[in-house]
Amino acid sequence: MTAVPEKQACTMQDIENLPEGQRAELIDGELYMLAAPARIHQRISFQLSRRIGNFIEAAGGKCEVYPAPFAVRLFADDSTYVEPDVSVICDPDKLSERGCEGAPDWIMEVVSPSSIEQDYYRKLGLYQAAGVKEYWIVNPDTQKTTVYVFPRQYGLYDFTEEIPVSLYPGFSIRISEL
């Protein structure tokens, strides 16, 4: 009988060694390769980033908006590396030349067929544990946006509904207008 070798956990070194142009996330010692997003995914991500950035600028806010690809080391170390579709960071001390060192205040993921399990399950728990304050899952296929305001608030919105932004009272986004 031969022992089956244990699978070696992946590290940031594996991310850094990827060929030029390949992207992946590191979660629980596993690499998850990122597929090229569809046009609708990119349109929604871009419009969300633009709308949020314009609001912050007009309000004189200090938060910064970063669309993917943008490196986020959720626990301010090399254990977990993600590239959310849109990240809003309000603490300038979390920003470095490498990206974001710690949890962004607000994360949005635009669902692709290949990312359903990641966005709705794996990242939900991860983002909550890391200290993300607000997490939106925007699903173009169902035309719904799932909103979590941690630790307890949850909402499900149709693309035609105004979605209130908890970080900015008085600011809301209607996905159908993007």
N, C-alpha and C. Protein backbone atom coordinates (compact mmCIF):
# COMPACT_ATOMS: atom_id res chain seq x y z
N MET A 1 0.83 -1.17 0.00
CA MET A 1 0.00 0.00 0.00
C MET A 1 0.89 1.25 0.00
N THR A 2 0.53 2.22 -0.83
CA THR A 2 1.30 3.44 -0.93
C THR A 2 0.48 4.61 -0.40
N ALA A 3 1.11 5.41 0.40
CA ALA A 3 0.43 6.58 0.96
C ALA A 3 0.22 7.62 -0.12
N VAL A 4 -0.93 8.24 -0.11
CA VAL A 4 -1.22 9.32 -1.04
C VAL A 4 -0.60 10.59 -0.48
N PRO A 5 0.21 11.27 -1.30
CA PRO A 5 0.83 12.49 -0.78
C PRO A 5 -0.22 13.56 -0.48
N GLU A 6 0.01 14.29 0.62
CA GLU A 6 -0.89 15.37 0.99
C GLU A 6 -0.75 16.50 0.00
N LYS A 7 -1.88 17.11 -0.33
CA LYS A 7 -1.88 18.24 -1.24
C LYS A 7 -1.25 19.44 -0.53
N GLN A 8 -0.28 20.04 -1.18
CA GLN A 8 0.41 21.20 -0.61
C GLN A 8 -0.45 22.44 -0.75
N ALA A 9 -0.56 23.21 0.31
CA ALA A 9 -1.33 24.46 0.27
C ALA A 9 -0.62 25.47 -0.63
N CYS A 10 -1.42 26.20 -1.39
CA CYS A 10 -0.87 27.26 -2.24
C CYS A 10 -0.57 28.49 -1.39
N THR A 11 0.31 29.33 -1.89
CA THR A 11 0.72 30.54 -1.17
C THR A 11 0.73 31.73 -2.13
N MET A 12 1.04 32.89 -1.59
CA MET A 12 1.18 34.08 -2.42
C MET A 12 2.25 33.90 -3.49
N GLN A 13 3.23 33.08 -3.21
CA GLN A 13 4.28 32.81 -4.20
C GLN A 13 3.66 32.22 -5.46
N ASP A 14 2.64 31.37 -5.30
CA ASP A 14 1.96 30.79 -6.47
C ASP A 14 1.25 31.87 -7.28
N ILE A 15 0.65 32.83 -6.60
CA ILE A 15 -0.01 33.96 -7.29
C ILE A 15 1.06 34.74 -8.06
N GLU A 16 2.15 35.05 -7.39
CA GLU A 16 3.21 35.86 -8.01
C GLU A 16 3.88 35.14 -9.16
N ASN A 17 3.85 33.81 -9.18
CA ASN A 17 4.48 33.03 -10.24
C ASN A 17 3.57 32.75 -11.43
N LEU A 18 2.35 33.24 -11.39
CA LEU A 18 1.44 33.01 -12.52
C LEU A 18 1.98 33.70 -13.77
N PRO A 19 1.75 33.12 -14.93
CA PRO A 19 2.17 33.78 -16.17
C PRO A 19 1.50 35.14 -16.33
N GLU A 20 2.16 36.03 -17.01
CA GLU A 20 1.64 37.38 -17.28
C GLU A 20 0.21 37.29 -17.83
N GLY A 21 -0.69 38.07 -17.23
CA GLY A 21 -2.07 38.11 -17.71
C GLY A 21 -3.00 37.12 -17.03
N GLN A 22 -2.47 36.11 -16.35
CA GLN A 22 -3.33 35.18 -15.62
C GLN A 22 -3.59 35.74 -14.23
N ARG A 23 -4.85 35.59 -13.78
CA ARG A 23 -5.22 36.09 -12.47
C ARG A 23 -5.86 34.97 -11.66
N ALA A 24 -5.66 35.05 -10.35
CA ALA A 24 -6.23 34.05 -9.44
C ALA A 24 -6.43 34.69 -8.08
N GLU A 25 -7.22 34.03 -7.27
CA GLU A 25 -7.41 34.42 -5.88
C GLU A 25 -6.91 33.29 -5.00
N LEU A 26 -6.46 33.62 -3.79
CA LEU A 26 -5.95 32.64 -2.84
C LEU A 26 -6.88 32.64 -1.63
N ILE A 27 -7.59 31.51 -1.44
CA ILE A 27 -8.53 31.38 -0.33
C ILE A 27 -8.32 30.01 0.30
N ASP A 28 -8.08 29.99 1.60
CA ASP A 28 -7.91 28.73 2.33
C ASP A 28 -6.86 27.82 1.70
N GLY A 29 -5.76 28.40 1.23
CA GLY A 29 -4.67 27.61 0.67
C GLY A 29 -4.93 27.07 -0.72
N GLU A 30 -6.02 27.50 -1.35
CA GLU A 30 -6.32 27.05 -2.71
C GLU A 30 -6.33 28.24 -3.65
N LEU A 31 -5.84 27.98 -4.87
CA LEU A 31 -5.88 28.99 -5.92
C LEU A 31 -7.17 28.82 -6.70
N TYR A 32 -7.84 29.93 -6.95
CA TYR A 32 -9.04 29.93 -7.78
C TYR A 32 -8.75 30.85 -8.96
N MET A 33 -8.65 30.23 -10.14
CA MET A 33 -8.33 30.99 -11.34
C MET A 33 -9.52 31.87 -11.72
N LEU A 34 -9.23 33.07 -12.19
CA LEU A 34 -10.26 34.02 -12.58
C LEU A 34 -10.41 34.03 -14.09
N ALA A 35 -11.62 33.79 -14.54
CA ALA A 35 -11.90 33.80 -15.98
C ALA A 35 -12.09 35.24 -16.45
N ALA A 36 -11.88 35.46 -17.73
CA ALA A 36 -12.12 36.78 -18.30
C ALA A 36 -13.61 37.09 -18.18
N PRO A 37 -13.96 38.26 -17.67
CA PRO A 37 -15.37 38.59 -17.47
C PRO A 37 -16.08 38.92 -18.79
N ALA A 38 -17.40 38.72 -18.79
CA ALA A 38 -18.23 39.05 -19.94
C ALA A 38 -18.42 40.57 -20.02
N ARG A 39 -18.90 41.03 -21.14
CA ARG A 39 -19.10 42.45 -21.37
C ARG A 39 -20.05 43.07 -20.33
N ILE A 40 -21.18 42.41 -20.05
CA ILE A 40 -22.15 42.97 -19.09
C ILE A 40 -21.52 43.08 -17.70
N HIS A 41 -20.71 42.12 -17.35
CA HIS A 41 -19.99 42.14 -16.07
C HIS A 41 -19.11 43.39 -16.00
N GLN A 42 -18.35 43.64 -17.04
CA GLN A 42 -17.45 44.79 -17.08
C GLN A 42 -18.22 46.11 -17.08
N ARG A 43 -19.34 46.13 -17.80
CA ARG A 43 -20.14 47.36 -17.85
C ARG A 43 -20.67 47.70 -16.45
N ILE A 44 -21.23 46.70 -15.77
CA ILE A 44 -21.78 46.95 -14.43
C ILE A 44 -20.67 47.36 -13.46
N SER A 45 -19.55 46.65 -13.48
CA SER A 45 -18.42 46.98 -12.58
C SER A 45 -17.93 48.40 -12.82
N PHE A 46 -17.75 48.75 -14.08
CA PHE A 46 -17.27 50.08 -14.42
C PHE A 46 -18.26 51.15 -13.97
N GLN A 47 -19.54 50.95 -14.28
CA GLN A 47 -20.55 51.95 -13.93
C GLN A 47 -20.71 52.10 -12.42
N LEU A 48 -20.64 50.97 -11.69
CA LEU A 48 -20.68 51.06 -10.23
C LEU A 48 -19.51 51.89 -9.71
N SER A 49 -18.31 51.58 -10.19
CA SER A 49 -17.11 52.31 -9.76
C SER A 49 -17.25 53.80 -10.06
N ARG A 50 -17.71 54.10 -11.24
CA ARG A 50 -17.86 55.50 -11.65
C ARG A 50 -18.90 56.22 -10.80
N ARG A 51 -20.06 55.59 -10.62
CA ARG A 51 -21.14 56.21 -9.84
C ARG A 51 -20.70 56.46 -8.40
N ILE A 52 -20.07 55.48 -7.79
CA ILE A 52 -19.63 55.61 -6.40
C ILE A 52 -18.53 56.66 -6.30
N GLY A 53 -17.57 56.62 -7.21
CA GLY A 53 -16.48 57.59 -7.20
C GLY A 53 -16.98 59.01 -7.37
N ASN A 54 -17.94 59.20 -8.28
CA ASN A 54 -18.52 60.53 -8.49
C ASN A 54 -19.24 61.02 -7.24
N PHE A 55 -19.97 60.12 -6.56
CA PHE A 55 -20.67 60.52 -5.34
C PHE A 55 -19.66 60.92 -4.26
N ILE A 56 -18.64 60.11 -4.06
CA ILE A 56 -17.64 60.40 -3.02
C ILE A 56 -16.96 61.74 -3.30
N GLU A 57 -16.61 61.96 -4.54
CA GLU A 57 -15.94 63.22 -4.90
C GLU A 57 -16.86 64.41 -4.66
N ALA A 58 -18.11 64.32 -5.09
CA ALA A 58 -19.06 65.43 -4.92
C ALA A 58 -19.34 65.69 -3.44
N ALA A 59 -19.32 64.63 -2.62
CA ALA A 59 -19.60 64.78 -1.19
C ALA A 59 -18.35 65.16 -0.40
N GLY A 60 -17.20 65.25 -1.07
CA GLY A 60 -15.97 65.56 -0.37
C GLY A 60 -15.51 64.44 0.54
N GLY A 61 -15.89 63.22 0.19
CA GLY A 61 -15.52 62.06 1.01
C GLY A 61 -14.07 61.67 0.87
N LYS A 62 -13.60 60.88 1.78
CA LYS A 62 -12.20 60.48 1.79
C LYS A 62 -11.99 59.03 1.33
N CYS A 63 -13.07 58.29 1.09
CA CYS A 63 -12.94 56.90 0.64
C CYS A 63 -12.44 56.88 -0.80
N GLU A 64 -11.82 55.76 -1.17
CA GLU A 64 -11.34 55.58 -2.53
C GLU A 64 -11.95 54.33 -3.13
N VAL A 65 -12.23 54.38 -4.44
CA VAL A 65 -12.86 53.28 -5.16
C VAL A 65 -11.83 52.65 -6.09
N TYR A 66 -11.74 51.31 -6.03
CA TYR A 66 -10.81 50.57 -6.89
C TYR A 66 -11.54 49.43 -7.58
N PRO A 67 -11.61 49.48 -8.92
CA PRO A 67 -12.17 48.34 -9.66
C PRO A 67 -11.12 47.26 -9.85
N ALA A 68 -11.59 46.04 -10.14
CA ALA A 68 -10.67 44.93 -10.42
C ALA A 68 -9.95 45.21 -11.75
N PRO A 69 -8.76 44.72 -11.89
CA PRO A 69 -8.01 43.95 -10.91
C PRO A 69 -7.32 44.86 -9.89
N PHE A 70 -7.60 44.60 -8.62
CA PHE A 70 -7.01 45.35 -7.53
C PHE A 70 -6.75 44.36 -6.40
N ALA A 71 -5.52 44.30 -5.95
CA ALA A 71 -5.09 43.31 -4.94
C ALA A 71 -5.61 43.67 -3.56
N VAL A 72 -6.31 42.72 -2.93
CA VAL A 72 -6.80 42.89 -1.57
C VAL A 72 -6.30 41.72 -0.74
N ARG A 73 -5.47 42.04 0.24
CA ARG A 73 -5.02 41.04 1.21
C ARG A 73 -5.92 41.22 2.43
N LEU A 74 -6.98 40.41 2.46
CA LEU A 74 -8.08 40.63 3.40
C LEU A 74 -7.68 40.73 4.86
N PHE A 75 -6.69 39.95 5.26
CA PHE A 75 -6.31 39.93 6.67
C PHE A 75 -4.96 40.63 6.89
N ALA A 76 -4.60 41.52 5.94
CA ALA A 76 -3.37 42.30 6.02
C ALA A 76 -2.14 41.39 6.11
N ASP A 77 -2.22 40.23 5.50
CA ASP A 77 -1.08 39.33 5.41
C ASP A 77 -1.18 38.61 4.06
N ASP A 78 -0.41 37.58 3.87
CA ASP A 78 -0.43 36.88 2.59
C ASP A 78 -1.28 35.61 2.62
N SER A 79 -2.15 35.46 3.62
CA SER A 79 -2.95 34.23 3.73
C SER A 79 -4.14 34.21 2.78
N THR A 80 -4.71 35.38 2.49
CA THR A 80 -5.90 35.45 1.65
C THR A 80 -5.78 36.64 0.71
N TYR A 81 -5.84 36.33 -0.58
CA TYR A 81 -5.69 37.34 -1.62
C TYR A 81 -6.90 37.26 -2.54
N VAL A 82 -7.64 38.37 -2.67
CA VAL A 82 -8.80 38.41 -3.55
C VAL A 82 -8.73 39.66 -4.43
N GLU A 83 -9.51 39.63 -5.49
CA GLU A 83 -9.63 40.77 -6.40
C GLU A 83 -11.12 41.06 -6.60
N PRO A 84 -11.76 41.73 -5.63
CA PRO A 84 -13.18 42.04 -5.78
C PRO A 84 -13.41 42.90 -7.02
N ASP A 85 -14.62 42.82 -7.57
CA ASP A 85 -14.93 43.62 -8.76
C ASP A 85 -14.88 45.11 -8.46
N VAL A 86 -15.36 45.50 -7.27
CA VAL A 86 -15.26 46.90 -6.83
C VAL A 86 -14.96 46.89 -5.34
N SER A 87 -13.95 47.66 -4.95
CA SER A 87 -13.57 47.80 -3.54
C SER A 87 -13.60 49.28 -3.17
N VAL A 88 -14.21 49.58 -2.02
CA VAL A 88 -14.23 50.94 -1.50
C VAL A 88 -13.49 50.91 -0.17
N ILE A 89 -12.42 51.69 -0.10
CA ILE A 89 -11.56 51.71 1.10
C ILE A 89 -11.60 53.11 1.69
N CYS A 90 -11.96 53.19 2.96
CA CYS A 90 -12.08 54.49 3.63
C CYS A 90 -10.92 54.79 4.57
N ASP A 91 -10.12 53.81 4.90
CA ASP A 91 -8.96 53.99 5.78
C ASP A 91 -7.70 54.05 4.93
N PRO A 92 -7.10 55.25 4.76
CA PRO A 92 -5.92 55.36 3.90
C PRO A 92 -4.73 54.54 4.39
N ASP A 93 -4.71 54.19 5.68
CA ASP A 93 -3.61 53.38 6.20
C ASP A 93 -3.64 51.95 5.67
N LYS A 94 -4.76 51.54 5.10
CA LYS A 94 -4.86 50.19 4.52
C LYS A 94 -4.31 50.13 3.10
N LEU A 95 -4.05 51.28 2.50
CA LEU A 95 -3.58 51.31 1.12
C LEU A 95 -2.06 51.33 1.05
N SER A 96 -1.53 50.45 0.21
CA SER A 96 -0.08 50.40 -0.01
C SER A 96 0.16 50.25 -1.50
N GLU A 97 1.40 50.21 -1.89
CA GLU A 97 1.74 50.00 -3.30
C GLU A 97 1.27 48.63 -3.78
N ARG A 98 1.11 47.69 -2.86
CA ARG A 98 0.65 46.34 -3.23
C ARG A 98 -0.86 46.28 -3.41
N GLY A 99 -1.60 47.25 -2.87
CA GLY A 99 -3.06 47.25 -2.95
C GLY A 99 -3.66 47.60 -1.62
N CYS A 100 -4.63 46.78 -1.17
CA CYS A 100 -5.30 47.00 0.11
C CYS A 100 -4.82 45.95 1.10
N GLU A 101 -4.35 46.43 2.25
CA GLU A 101 -3.84 45.56 3.32
C GLU A 101 -4.87 45.50 4.43
N GLY A 102 -5.84 44.64 4.29
CA GLY A 102 -6.94 44.52 5.23
C GLY A 102 -8.26 44.58 4.48
N ALA A 103 -9.34 44.57 5.21
CA ALA A 103 -10.67 44.51 4.61
C ALA A 103 -11.11 45.87 4.10
N PRO A 104 -11.55 45.95 2.83
CA PRO A 104 -12.20 47.18 2.36
C PRO A 104 -13.50 47.40 3.15
N ASP A 105 -13.99 48.61 3.15
CA ASP A 105 -15.24 48.90 3.85
C ASP A 105 -16.44 48.35 3.09
N TRP A 106 -16.37 48.40 1.76
CA TRP A 106 -17.49 47.99 0.92
C TRP A 106 -16.92 47.22 -0.27
N ILE A 107 -17.49 46.05 -0.51
CA ILE A 107 -17.07 45.21 -1.64
C ILE A 107 -18.29 44.88 -2.48
N MET A 108 -18.13 44.93 -3.79
CA MET A 108 -19.15 44.48 -4.72
C MET A 108 -18.57 43.42 -5.64
N GLU A 109 -19.31 42.34 -5.79
CA GLU A 109 -18.94 41.29 -6.74
C GLU A 109 -20.07 41.20 -7.75
N VAL A 110 -19.72 41.20 -9.03
CA VAL A 110 -20.69 41.01 -10.10
C VAL A 110 -20.58 39.54 -10.50
N VAL A 111 -21.69 38.82 -10.36
CA VAL A 111 -21.68 37.37 -10.55
C VAL A 111 -21.50 37.00 -12.02
N SER A 112 -20.62 36.03 -12.23
CA SER A 112 -20.44 35.39 -13.53
C SER A 112 -20.84 33.93 -13.34
N PRO A 113 -21.20 33.22 -14.40
CA PRO A 113 -21.55 31.81 -14.23
C PRO A 113 -20.46 31.01 -13.49
N SER A 114 -19.20 31.36 -13.71
CA SER A 114 -18.11 30.62 -13.06
C SER A 114 -17.84 31.05 -11.62
N SER A 115 -18.49 32.13 -11.15
CA SER A 115 -18.19 32.64 -9.81
C SER A 115 -19.33 32.52 -8.81
N ILE A 116 -20.40 31.85 -9.18
CA ILE A 116 -21.59 31.79 -8.32
C ILE A 116 -21.25 31.27 -6.93
N GLU A 117 -20.61 30.10 -6.86
CA GLU A 117 -20.30 29.51 -5.55
C GLU A 117 -19.36 30.41 -4.75
N GLN A 118 -18.37 30.98 -5.42
CA GLN A 118 -17.42 31.86 -4.73
C GLN A 118 -18.13 33.08 -4.14
N ASP A 119 -18.91 33.77 -4.97
CA ASP A 119 -19.51 35.04 -4.56
C ASP A 119 -20.58 34.88 -3.49
N TYR A 120 -21.44 33.87 -3.63
CA TYR A 120 -22.56 33.71 -2.70
C TYR A 120 -22.20 32.96 -1.42
N TYR A 121 -21.20 32.13 -1.46
CA TYR A 121 -20.92 31.29 -0.29
C TYR A 121 -19.53 31.54 0.29
N ARG A 122 -18.50 31.17 -0.45
CA ARG A 122 -17.15 31.23 0.09
C ARG A 122 -16.76 32.67 0.47
N LYS A 123 -16.99 33.62 -0.41
CA LYS A 123 -16.58 35.00 -0.12
C LYS A 123 -17.47 35.67 0.92
N LEU A 124 -18.72 35.28 0.99
CA LEU A 124 -19.62 35.86 1.98
C LEU A 124 -19.05 35.69 3.39
N GLY A 125 -18.72 34.47 3.75
CA GLY A 125 -18.16 34.21 5.08
C GLY A 125 -16.80 34.85 5.27
N LEU A 126 -16.01 34.81 4.23
CA LEU A 126 -14.67 35.38 4.26
C LEU A 126 -14.72 36.90 4.49
N TYR A 127 -15.56 37.57 3.73
CA TYR A 127 -15.66 39.02 3.86
C TYR A 127 -16.20 39.43 5.23
N GLN A 128 -17.16 38.69 5.73
CA GLN A 128 -17.70 39.00 7.05
C GLN A 128 -16.62 38.80 8.12
N ALA A 129 -15.90 37.69 8.05
CA ALA A 129 -14.84 37.40 9.03
C ALA A 129 -13.72 38.44 8.99
N ALA A 130 -13.45 38.98 7.80
CA ALA A 130 -12.37 39.95 7.65
C ALA A 130 -12.74 41.34 8.14
N GLY A 131 -14.04 41.61 8.28
CA GLY A 131 -14.45 42.93 8.76
C GLY A 131 -14.99 43.86 7.70
N VAL A 132 -15.33 43.34 6.52
CA VAL A 132 -15.98 44.17 5.50
C VAL A 132 -17.30 44.64 6.09
N LYS A 133 -17.63 45.91 5.88
CA LYS A 133 -18.86 46.45 6.46
C LYS A 133 -20.09 46.19 5.59
N GLU A 134 -19.90 46.27 4.28
CA GLU A 134 -21.02 46.11 3.35
C GLU A 134 -20.56 45.30 2.16
N TYR A 135 -21.39 44.32 1.74
CA TYR A 135 -21.06 43.43 0.63
C TYR A 135 -22.26 43.31 -0.29
N TRP A 136 -22.07 43.67 -1.56
CA TRP A 136 -23.13 43.55 -2.56
C TRP A 136 -22.76 42.45 -3.54
N ILE A 137 -23.74 41.60 -3.86
CA ILE A 137 -23.57 40.58 -4.91
C ILE A 137 -24.57 40.95 -6.00
N VAL A 138 -24.06 41.40 -7.13
CA VAL A 138 -24.88 41.87 -8.24
C VAL A 138 -24.95 40.75 -9.27
N ASN A 139 -26.17 40.26 -9.53
CA ASN A 139 -26.34 39.12 -10.43
C ASN A 139 -27.09 39.52 -11.70
N PRO A 140 -26.38 39.71 -12.81
CA PRO A 140 -27.04 40.10 -14.07
C PRO A 140 -28.04 39.06 -14.58
N ASP A 141 -27.81 37.77 -14.31
CA ASP A 141 -28.73 36.74 -14.80
C ASP A 141 -30.09 36.79 -14.11
N THR A 142 -30.12 37.01 -12.80
CA THR A 142 -31.38 37.06 -12.06
C THR A 142 -31.93 38.48 -11.95
N GLN A 143 -31.11 39.47 -12.33
CA GLN A 143 -31.47 40.88 -12.20
C GLN A 143 -31.77 41.25 -10.74
N LYS A 144 -30.98 40.65 -9.83
CA LYS A 144 -31.13 40.89 -8.40
C LYS A 144 -29.78 41.26 -7.79
N THR A 145 -29.83 42.06 -6.74
CA THR A 145 -28.64 42.40 -5.97
C THR A 145 -28.89 42.01 -4.52
N THR A 146 -27.99 41.19 -4.00
CA THR A 146 -28.05 40.77 -2.61
C THR A 146 -27.12 41.69 -1.82
N VAL A 147 -27.64 42.27 -0.75
CA VAL A 147 -26.88 43.24 0.04
C VAL A 147 -26.76 42.74 1.47
N TYR A 148 -25.53 42.70 1.94
CA TYR A 148 -25.25 42.37 3.34
C TYR A 148 -24.61 43.58 3.98
N VAL A 149 -25.17 44.03 5.09
CA VAL A 149 -24.54 45.05 5.92
C VAL A 149 -24.24 44.31 7.22
N PHE A 150 -22.99 43.96 7.40
CA PHE A 150 -22.60 43.12 8.52
C PHE A 150 -22.66 43.91 9.82
N PRO A 151 -23.07 43.28 10.91
CA PRO A 151 -23.16 41.84 11.07
C PRO A 151 -24.52 41.22 10.79
N ARG A 152 -25.63 42.00 10.70
CA ARG A 152 -26.92 41.32 10.66
C ARG A 152 -27.87 41.72 9.54
N GLN A 153 -27.69 42.81 8.89
CA GLN A 153 -28.69 43.28 7.93
C GLN A 153 -28.51 42.60 6.58
N TYR A 154 -29.65 42.23 5.97
CA TYR A 154 -29.65 41.54 4.68
C TYR A 154 -30.79 42.10 3.84
N GLY A 155 -30.57 42.22 2.55
CA GLY A 155 -31.63 42.67 1.66
C GLY A 155 -31.45 42.09 0.26
N LEU A 156 -32.55 41.90 -0.43
CA LEU A 156 -32.53 41.42 -1.80
C LEU A 156 -33.30 42.43 -2.64
N TYR A 157 -32.65 42.98 -3.65
CA TYR A 157 -33.23 44.06 -4.43
C TYR A 157 -33.27 43.70 -5.91
N ASP A 158 -34.37 44.05 -6.54
CA ASP A 158 -34.49 43.94 -7.98
C ASP A 158 -33.65 45.05 -8.61
N PHE A 159 -33.16 44.85 -9.81
CA PHE A 159 -32.34 45.87 -10.47
C PHE A 159 -33.08 47.20 -10.63
N THR A 160 -34.41 47.18 -10.62
CA THR A 160 -35.17 48.42 -10.80
C THR A 160 -35.38 49.19 -9.49
N GLU A 161 -35.01 48.58 -8.36
CA GLU A 161 -35.20 49.23 -7.05
C GLU A 161 -33.97 50.05 -6.65
N GLU A 162 -34.23 51.09 -5.88
CA GLU A 162 -33.15 51.89 -5.29
C GLU A 162 -32.52 51.06 -4.15
N ILE A 163 -31.21 50.94 -4.16
CA ILE A 163 -30.51 50.21 -3.11
C ILE A 163 -29.79 51.24 -2.24
N PRO A 164 -30.18 51.36 -0.97
CA PRO A 164 -29.50 52.32 -0.10
C PRO A 164 -28.09 51.85 0.25
N VAL A 165 -27.18 52.79 0.31
CA VAL A 165 -25.79 52.49 0.66
C VAL A 165 -25.61 52.85 2.13
N SER A 166 -25.31 51.86 2.96
CA SER A 166 -25.22 52.12 4.40
C SER A 166 -24.05 53.02 4.76
N LEU A 167 -22.97 52.96 4.01
CA LEU A 167 -21.80 53.80 4.31
C LEU A 167 -22.08 55.28 4.08
N TYR A 168 -23.03 55.57 3.19
CA TYR A 168 -23.35 56.95 2.83
C TYR A 168 -24.86 57.16 2.90
N PRO A 169 -25.40 57.48 4.08
CA PRO A 169 -26.84 57.73 4.19
C PRO A 169 -27.28 58.78 3.16
N GLY A 170 -28.38 58.49 2.49
CA GLY A 170 -28.88 59.40 1.46
C GLY A 170 -28.41 59.04 0.06
N PHE A 171 -27.44 58.16 -0.05
CA PHE A 171 -26.94 57.72 -1.35
C PHE A 171 -27.54 56.36 -1.66
N SER A 172 -28.06 56.20 -2.87
CA SER A 172 -28.59 54.91 -3.29
C SER A 172 -28.25 54.71 -4.76
N ILE A 173 -28.32 53.45 -5.17
CA ILE A 173 -27.99 53.09 -6.54
C ILE A 173 -29.10 52.20 -7.09
N ARG A 174 -29.54 52.50 -8.31
CA ARG A 174 -30.49 51.66 -9.03
C ARG A 174 -29.68 51.00 -10.16
N ILE A 175 -29.46 49.70 -10.05
CA ILE A 175 -28.59 48.99 -10.99
C ILE A 175 -29.10 49.14 -12.43
N SER A 176 -30.42 49.15 -12.63
CA SER A 176 -30.97 49.26 -14.00
C SER A 176 -30.59 50.56 -14.68
N GLU A 177 -30.17 51.56 -13.90
CA GLU A 177 -29.77 52.85 -14.48
C GLU A 177 -28.29 52.92 -14.85
N LEU A 178 -27.56 51.87 -14.57
CA LEU A 178 -26.12 51.90 -14.86
C LEU A 178 -25.86 51.67 -16.33
